[in-house]
Structures are given as structure tokens and as C-alpha cells.
Protein backbone atom coordinates (compact mmCIF):
# COMPACT_ATOMS: atom_id res chain seq x y z
CA MET A 1 83.69 113.04 136.00
CA SER A 2 82.86 110.10 133.77
CA SER A 3 83.01 112.22 130.60
CA SER A 4 86.41 113.63 131.61
CA LEU A 5 87.76 110.11 132.17
CA THR A 6 86.40 109.05 128.78
CA LEU A 7 88.07 112.03 127.11
CA LEU A 8 91.34 111.23 128.89
CA GLY A 9 91.06 107.63 127.75
CA TRP A 10 90.63 108.62 124.11
CA LEU A 11 93.54 111.06 124.33
CA LEU A 12 95.74 108.30 125.75
CA ALA A 13 94.58 105.91 123.04
CA LEU A 14 95.58 108.48 120.42
CA LEU A 15 98.91 109.04 122.16
CA GLN A 16 99.50 105.29 122.22
CA ALA A 17 98.80 105.03 118.48
CA LEU A 18 101.16 107.93 117.74
CA LEU A 19 103.84 106.31 119.92
CA TYR A 20 103.69 103.25 117.68
CA LEU A 21 104.45 105.41 114.65
CA ALA A 22 107.23 107.26 116.45
CA LEU A 23 108.99 104.24 118.00
CA ALA A 24 108.85 101.87 115.01
CA PRO A 25 111.91 103.29 113.16
CA LEU A 26 113.85 103.49 116.42
CA LEU A 27 113.43 99.76 117.09
CA VAL A 28 114.74 98.94 113.61
CA GLY A 29 117.69 101.28 114.15
CA TRP A 30 118.48 99.64 117.49
CA VAL A 31 118.46 96.14 115.95
CA ARG A 32 120.80 97.30 113.17
CA LEU A 33 123.18 98.84 115.71
CA VAL A 34 123.26 95.67 117.82
CA LYS A 35 123.99 93.55 114.75
CA ALA A 36 126.77 95.88 113.65
CA ARG A 37 128.45 95.87 117.06
CA LEU A 38 128.23 92.07 117.30
CA GLN A 39 129.85 91.83 113.87
CA GLY A 40 132.70 94.13 114.85
CA ARG A 41 131.44 97.15 112.92
CA ARG A 42 130.67 100.64 114.18
CA GLY A 43 127.23 100.61 112.61
CA PRO A 44 124.78 103.41 111.84
CA SER A 45 123.07 105.58 114.39
CA PRO A 46 119.80 104.20 115.81
CA LEU A 47 118.20 107.35 114.36
CA GLN A 48 119.24 106.47 110.81
CA PRO A 49 115.80 104.99 109.88
CA TYR A 50 114.24 108.40 110.64
CA ARG A 51 116.72 110.06 108.25
CA ASP A 52 115.99 107.45 105.60
CA LEU A 53 112.25 108.07 105.86
CA ARG A 54 112.72 111.83 105.70
CA LYS A 55 114.91 111.47 102.61
CA LEU A 56 112.35 109.27 100.88
CA PHE A 57 109.47 111.61 101.73
CA ASN A 58 111.41 114.50 100.14
CA LYS A 59 112.01 112.59 96.89
CA ASP A 60 109.70 112.52 93.89
CA THR A 61 107.70 109.39 93.19
CA ARG A 62 107.93 107.47 89.92
CA VAL A 63 105.12 105.17 88.80
CA ALA A 64 105.38 102.65 85.98
CA HIS A 65 103.07 103.26 83.02
CA THR A 66 101.64 99.76 83.45
CA ALA A 67 100.59 100.43 87.06
CA SER A 68 96.94 100.72 88.04
CA PRO A 69 95.50 103.05 90.71
CA LEU A 70 95.87 100.16 93.18
CA PHE A 71 99.64 100.51 92.96
CA ILE A 72 99.38 104.14 94.09
CA ILE A 73 96.92 103.70 96.95
CA ALA A 74 98.39 100.42 98.24
CA PRO A 75 101.15 102.06 100.38
CA TYR A 76 98.55 104.13 102.22
CA LEU A 77 96.27 101.13 102.74
CA VAL A 78 99.13 98.94 103.96
CA LEU A 79 100.32 101.57 106.44
CA VAL A 80 96.83 102.32 107.76
CA ALA A 81 95.95 98.62 108.15
CA THR A 82 99.20 97.93 109.99
CA TRP A 83 98.77 101.02 112.14
CA LEU A 84 95.22 100.02 113.10
CA ALA A 85 96.48 96.54 113.94
CA ALA A 86 99.18 98.03 116.14
CA ALA A 87 96.66 100.33 117.84
CA THR A 88 94.70 97.27 118.99
CA VAL A 89 97.69 95.99 121.01
CA PRO A 90 97.86 97.74 124.43
CA LEU A 91 101.16 99.58 124.70
CA LEU A 92 100.95 101.63 127.89
CA ALA A 93 97.57 101.00 129.52
CA LEU A 94 94.76 98.47 129.61
CA GLU A 95 91.73 100.57 130.58
CA LEU A 96 91.35 102.48 127.31
CA PRO A 97 88.27 102.91 125.08
CA THR A 98 90.05 100.96 122.33
CA ALA A 99 90.27 97.90 124.60
CA VAL A 100 86.94 96.74 123.12
CA ILE A 101 88.57 96.10 119.72
CA ALA A 102 91.87 94.86 121.17
CA ASP A 103 91.14 91.34 119.98
CA LEU A 104 93.52 88.70 118.64
CA ILE A 105 91.13 87.82 115.80
CA VAL A 106 90.80 91.49 114.81
CA LEU A 107 94.58 91.80 114.92
CA ALA A 108 95.04 88.82 112.58
CA GLY A 109 92.41 90.19 110.20
CA LEU A 110 93.98 93.65 109.95
CA LEU A 111 97.43 92.16 109.36
CA ALA A 112 95.97 89.93 106.65
CA LEU A 113 94.32 92.95 105.02
CA GLY A 114 97.62 94.82 104.80
CA ARG A 115 99.38 91.71 103.50
CA VAL A 116 96.84 91.24 100.70
CA PHE A 117 97.26 94.79 99.44
CA LEU A 118 101.05 94.45 99.67
CA ALA A 119 100.95 91.31 97.51
CA LEU A 120 98.54 92.89 95.03
CA ALA A 121 100.81 95.92 94.71
CA GLY A 122 103.78 93.65 94.09
CA MET A 123 101.97 91.93 91.20
CA ASP A 124 100.31 95.04 89.81
CA VAL A 125 103.14 96.35 87.63
CA GLY A 126 103.72 92.93 86.10
CA THR A 127 107.41 92.46 86.83
CA ALA A 128 108.84 89.03 87.59
CA PHE A 129 110.35 90.16 90.90
CA GLY A 130 107.07 91.51 92.20
CA GLY A 131 105.26 88.34 91.20
CA PHE A 132 107.56 85.91 92.93
CA GLY A 133 107.86 88.18 95.96
CA ALA A 134 104.05 88.20 96.28
CA SER A 135 103.84 84.42 95.88
CA ARG A 136 106.48 83.92 98.56
CA GLU A 137 104.69 86.35 100.87
CA MET A 138 101.43 84.44 100.49
CA LEU A 139 103.22 81.14 101.09
CA VAL A 140 104.70 82.42 104.34
CA SER A 141 101.43 83.96 105.51
CA ALA A 142 99.40 80.83 104.69
CA LEU A 143 101.67 78.83 106.99
CA ALA A 144 102.18 81.52 109.65
CA GLU A 145 98.54 82.48 110.27
CA PRO A 146 97.41 79.04 111.56
CA ALA A 147 100.37 78.95 113.93
CA MET A 148 99.56 82.45 115.18
CA LEU A 149 95.90 81.56 115.75
CA MET A 150 96.88 78.36 117.54
CA ALA A 151 99.06 80.38 119.94
CA ALA A 152 96.24 82.91 120.31
CA PHE A 153 93.72 80.21 121.24
CA THR A 154 96.15 78.86 123.84
CA LEU A 155 96.23 82.28 125.48
CA ALA A 156 92.48 82.73 125.08
CA MET A 157 91.68 79.46 126.86
CA THR A 158 93.40 80.72 130.01
CA ALA A 159 91.74 84.14 130.01
CA HIS A 160 88.46 82.81 128.54
CA SER A 161 88.63 85.62 126.01
CA THR A 162 90.49 86.58 122.85
CA ASN A 163 90.60 90.19 124.02
CA LEU A 164 94.21 91.27 124.57
CA SER A 165 93.37 93.53 127.50
CA SER A 166 91.58 90.64 129.24
CA VAL A 167 94.51 88.29 128.58
CA MET A 168 97.02 90.78 130.02
CA ALA A 169 94.79 91.57 133.00
CA THR A 170 94.49 87.85 133.74
CA HIS A 171 98.26 87.43 133.69
CA LEU A 172 98.73 90.41 135.98
CA ALA A 173 96.17 89.07 138.45
CA GLU A 174 97.75 85.61 138.55
CA GLY A 175 101.30 86.86 139.01
CA LEU A 176 104.35 84.88 137.93
CA VAL A 177 103.07 81.44 136.90
CA VAL A 178 105.14 79.21 134.63
CA ARG A 179 102.86 77.21 132.35
CA PRO A 180 104.09 74.71 129.72
CA SER A 181 101.30 75.89 127.44
CA TYR A 182 102.61 79.47 127.57
CA LEU A 183 106.15 78.35 126.82
CA PHE A 184 104.94 76.55 123.70
CA ALA A 185 102.75 79.50 122.69
CA PHE A 186 105.63 81.93 123.24
CA ALA A 187 107.97 79.90 121.03
CA ALA A 188 105.31 79.62 118.33
CA LEU A 189 104.59 83.34 118.35
CA VAL A 190 108.30 84.19 118.16
CA LEU A 191 108.71 82.02 115.06
CA VAL A 192 105.60 83.56 113.51
CA ALA A 193 106.89 87.08 114.25
CA ILE A 194 110.22 86.33 112.57
CA ALA A 195 108.46 85.02 109.47
CA GLU A 196 105.81 87.73 109.28
CA THR A 197 108.27 90.59 109.68
CA GLY A 198 110.75 89.20 107.15
CA ARG A 199 113.68 88.75 109.50
CA LEU A 200 116.46 86.16 109.45
CA PRO A 201 116.45 83.22 109.03
CA VAL A 202 113.26 83.51 106.92
CA ASP A 203 114.21 86.64 104.99
CA ASN A 204 117.09 89.12 105.02
CA PRO A 205 115.85 92.73 105.13
CA ALA A 206 119.31 94.02 104.18
CA THR A 207 119.63 92.17 100.88
CA HIS A 208 118.42 92.81 97.33
CA LEU A 209 119.57 89.51 95.82
CA GLU A 210 116.96 88.41 93.31
CA LEU A 211 116.81 84.78 94.39
CA THR A 212 116.57 85.38 98.13
CA MET A 213 114.40 88.43 98.79
CA THR A 214 110.70 88.21 99.63
CA HIS A 215 109.45 91.47 101.09
CA GLU A 216 111.92 93.66 99.19
CA ALA A 217 110.93 92.05 95.86
CA MET A 218 107.46 93.60 96.14
CA LEU A 219 108.90 97.08 96.75
CA LEU A 220 111.37 97.35 93.89
CA GLU A 221 109.02 99.47 91.75
CA TYR A 222 108.26 101.93 94.54
CA SER A 223 110.08 105.19 95.12
CA GLY A 224 109.75 108.42 97.06
CA ARG A 225 106.98 108.75 99.60
CA HIS A 226 105.34 105.51 98.43
CA LEU A 227 108.47 103.57 99.34
CA ALA A 228 108.70 105.49 102.63
CA LEU A 229 105.16 104.43 103.55
CA MET A 230 105.91 100.79 102.75
CA GLU A 231 109.12 100.86 104.79
CA TRP A 232 107.34 102.57 107.67
CA ALA A 233 104.61 99.91 107.61
CA ALA A 234 107.25 97.14 107.78
CA GLN A 235 108.92 98.86 110.75
CA LEU A 236 105.55 99.26 112.43
CA LYS A 237 104.81 95.56 111.97
CA LEU A 238 108.06 94.62 113.68
CA LEU A 239 107.21 96.88 116.63
CA LEU A 240 103.68 95.43 116.77
CA TYR A 241 104.96 91.88 117.20
CA ALA A 242 107.60 92.99 119.71
CA VAL A 243 104.99 94.73 121.87
CA LEU A 244 102.60 91.79 121.50
CA ILE A 245 105.23 89.36 122.76
CA ALA A 246 106.44 91.70 125.52
CA ASN A 247 103.08 92.75 126.94
CA VAL A 248 101.21 89.45 126.58
CA PHE A 249 103.82 87.14 128.09
CA VAL A 250 105.53 89.70 130.36
CA PRO A 251 102.76 92.23 131.11
CA TRP A 252 104.30 93.60 134.29
CA GLY A 253 104.65 97.36 134.19
CA ILE A 254 101.67 98.10 131.97
CA ALA A 255 99.32 100.65 133.55
CA THR A 256 96.03 99.44 134.99
CA THR A 257 95.03 102.95 136.12
CA LEU A 258 95.17 106.16 134.11
CA THR A 259 97.50 108.08 136.42
CA LEU A 260 100.67 109.92 135.48
CA GLY A 261 102.91 107.75 137.64
CA ALA A 262 101.47 104.51 136.27
CA LEU A 263 101.81 105.71 132.68
CA LEU A 264 105.42 106.81 133.16
CA LEU A 265 106.24 103.45 134.73
CA ALA A 266 104.54 101.72 131.78
CA LEU A 267 106.60 103.76 129.30
CA VAL A 268 109.86 102.84 131.04
CA ALA A 269 108.80 99.19 131.24
CA ILE A 270 107.91 98.84 127.55
CA LEU A 271 111.06 100.65 126.44
CA THR A 272 113.15 98.29 128.57
CA LYS A 273 111.39 95.26 127.10
CA LEU A 274 111.88 96.56 123.54
CA VAL A 275 115.58 97.17 124.16
CA LEU A 276 116.00 93.58 125.37
CA LEU A 277 113.93 92.11 122.54
CA GLY A 278 115.80 94.19 119.96
CA ALA A 279 119.12 93.00 121.34
CA ALA A 280 117.92 89.39 121.26
CA LEU A 281 116.79 89.78 117.65
CA GLY A 282 120.13 91.32 116.67
CA LEU A 283 121.98 88.46 118.34
CA ALA A 284 119.80 85.83 116.63
CA GLU A 285 120.29 87.42 113.21
CA THR A 286 124.04 87.42 113.79
CA LEU A 287 124.16 83.75 114.77
CA PHE A 288 121.79 82.29 112.17
CA ALA A 289 122.06 82.32 108.39
CA LYS A 290 119.14 82.62 106.02
CA LEU A 291 117.24 79.44 105.30
CA ARG A 292 116.59 78.19 101.80
CA LEU A 293 113.07 79.02 100.67
CA PHE A 294 112.06 75.36 100.61
CA ARG A 295 113.05 74.99 104.27
CA VAL A 296 110.92 77.93 105.47
CA PRO A 297 107.74 75.78 105.55
CA ASN A 298 109.52 73.41 107.94
CA LEU A 299 110.15 76.31 110.33
CA LEU A 300 106.53 77.43 110.17
CA ASN A 301 105.28 73.88 110.56
CA LEU A 302 107.36 73.76 113.72
CA ALA A 303 105.60 76.93 114.90
CA LEU A 304 102.22 75.32 114.20
CA LEU A 305 103.28 72.20 116.09
CA LEU A 306 104.42 74.28 119.07
CA GLY A 307 101.12 76.14 119.09
CA LEU A 308 99.22 72.85 118.96
CA LEU A 309 101.33 71.43 121.78
CA GLY A 310 100.58 74.52 123.83
CA LEU A 311 96.86 74.08 123.26
CA LEU A 312 96.96 70.37 124.10
CA SER A 313 99.13 70.88 127.19
CA HIS A 314 96.67 73.47 128.48
CA VAL A 315 93.76 71.03 127.99
CA ILE A 316 95.60 68.09 129.54
CA LEU A 317 97.42 69.75 132.43
CA GLU A 318 95.04 72.54 133.41
CA VAL A 319 91.56 71.81 132.19
CA GLY A 320 91.93 68.07 132.82
CA ALA A 321 93.27 68.68 136.33
């Protein structure tokens, strides 16, 4: 009986990882549709990102003669690192074999690994666009990572663990409790997610203007399946942060038992949360314009301050009490 439950757990963990890959383009398509409708346009189908990926996978790749082998293997490394990071975030259920590695520190490390290879690939060919895109990416990440860790430590102090499954289980056991520390941590993590995924007002994913792009500047030399892998990794990163925000701060609906009914309820719950978060992101990107590059550090410093306030408010109001 125990071995059958273990096998079921691993199968569900694999299904959860595959769901991340399958749902990532759909979330991007939904955000684009919401933005188009809010701007008075018809907009593309939510399935358009799938068509774009298929088209890129069917095209031939072109590699610059100055590129090293790193340029060729980087798309695969970036996608795998981002996928592994996503697989550590519980999507449907908590009691899975992968819950052991579902740790906030592991998540930050895997995201950093993918980011490093992305920046190295941007600089590898030696073009000016790739170089300044990589430098901007490192600037954003250097400011975003401390804010993310500060928010993570705020959550960890409540659950007495950095394990995501433990944090979510603690929230489910406590029920609906409004904590000032969680409000600060939530705001900090939202700002970090916007910066890390290259969304407005930090970066505009729909532009190719030389003086404004960050993420796209590192992808200009890619084509074919290599570009498809990079785009897929970016979509997966957006879904990762959306699920992290949805299931950590609003964990209700996630399955605590590996039964069919609980898993179906968890699937409906996470899809509902993603629809709402995607609509909120589309609305925010419609209302706010892109910030100047030199004002992005101010936004990320605000995220760090919010994370610090969350940590201090937890110590003062909860531990001190």
C-alpha cells in the first residue's frame, strides 16, 4: 500500500511539472487578451503563444560565427533550470515526494542559475545589445533577490520553515488570518515578480526599442528552436511567480490528500486564481507606463523596504506579543 502511494505521488509530481509547461503559454496569452480588451482592441487568441512556439520550433536555427558552445546550450539550461524551479512550487497538492525540495532557498538558487546562463548567452556573441541587456538583467536581479529573500524569511518565521509545503500547510491550518507582516511580504513579492519576469513598469515584453528593452536584448541573436526555448522559459517564470503568490498567500483549494476529488478541486482553484491574477496584471500594465531604467532601483528598493517591514512587524507584533 505504501509503495503504491509513493508511485502515485511521483506520478502526480510529474503531472504537476508537465502542467507547468502546458499552462505557461496560456497565462501569457490570457494577459495579452486582457490588455487588448482594456485598450479597445480585439486582441489575439489566448492560444496564440502556443502557435508562436510551434512556428519557432519548426524554423531553422542560425548561430553567429562568433558564438561559443555556451550560446547553443544556454536555452536548454535556462529552460531546465526554470522548469525545476517551477516544479518545486506546489501546484495541485502538498503531500508529494518533491515536497522535500520545495524550499524557498532552493527556488531562489535555481532561478539565479537560469538567470546567469541567460546573461552569459546575451554577452556571448559580443553584440552591444546583448551586453547591455545582460548588465540590466544583473542589475535588476541584484536588487530583486534580497527583497525576495526578505519576503521569504517573513513567511518562514511564521511556519518555522522555508519549505513551501510547510508554509502552505500552516496557512491552511490557521485559516483566514490577516497579518500586517503578510501584507508587506505580499506587496514585496508582487514587485519582485514584476521585475523578475520583465513586465511593466520595469520592462515591456512587447517592445524591441533598443534603449528600453532588457530581456529581449539578450534574445536578439537567437532564432528557431533556441528562441522558442528562451520564450518558453520566460513564460514558465511568469507562471511560477503567479502560482507562488496564489498558493502561498491564498492556499485554499490546494489538495492535502491524493484523492481524485481533491485534485480536481485543486485544479479548478488554481485556474481561477491564475485567471484573476492574469486579469490584474493586464489591468496594471494598461494603467502604468514603463519606468526609466534609473528609476527601477527605486521600485526594487521599495520592495526590499516592504519585505523588511514585514519581517520587523512579525517580530514586533507576533513574536514580541
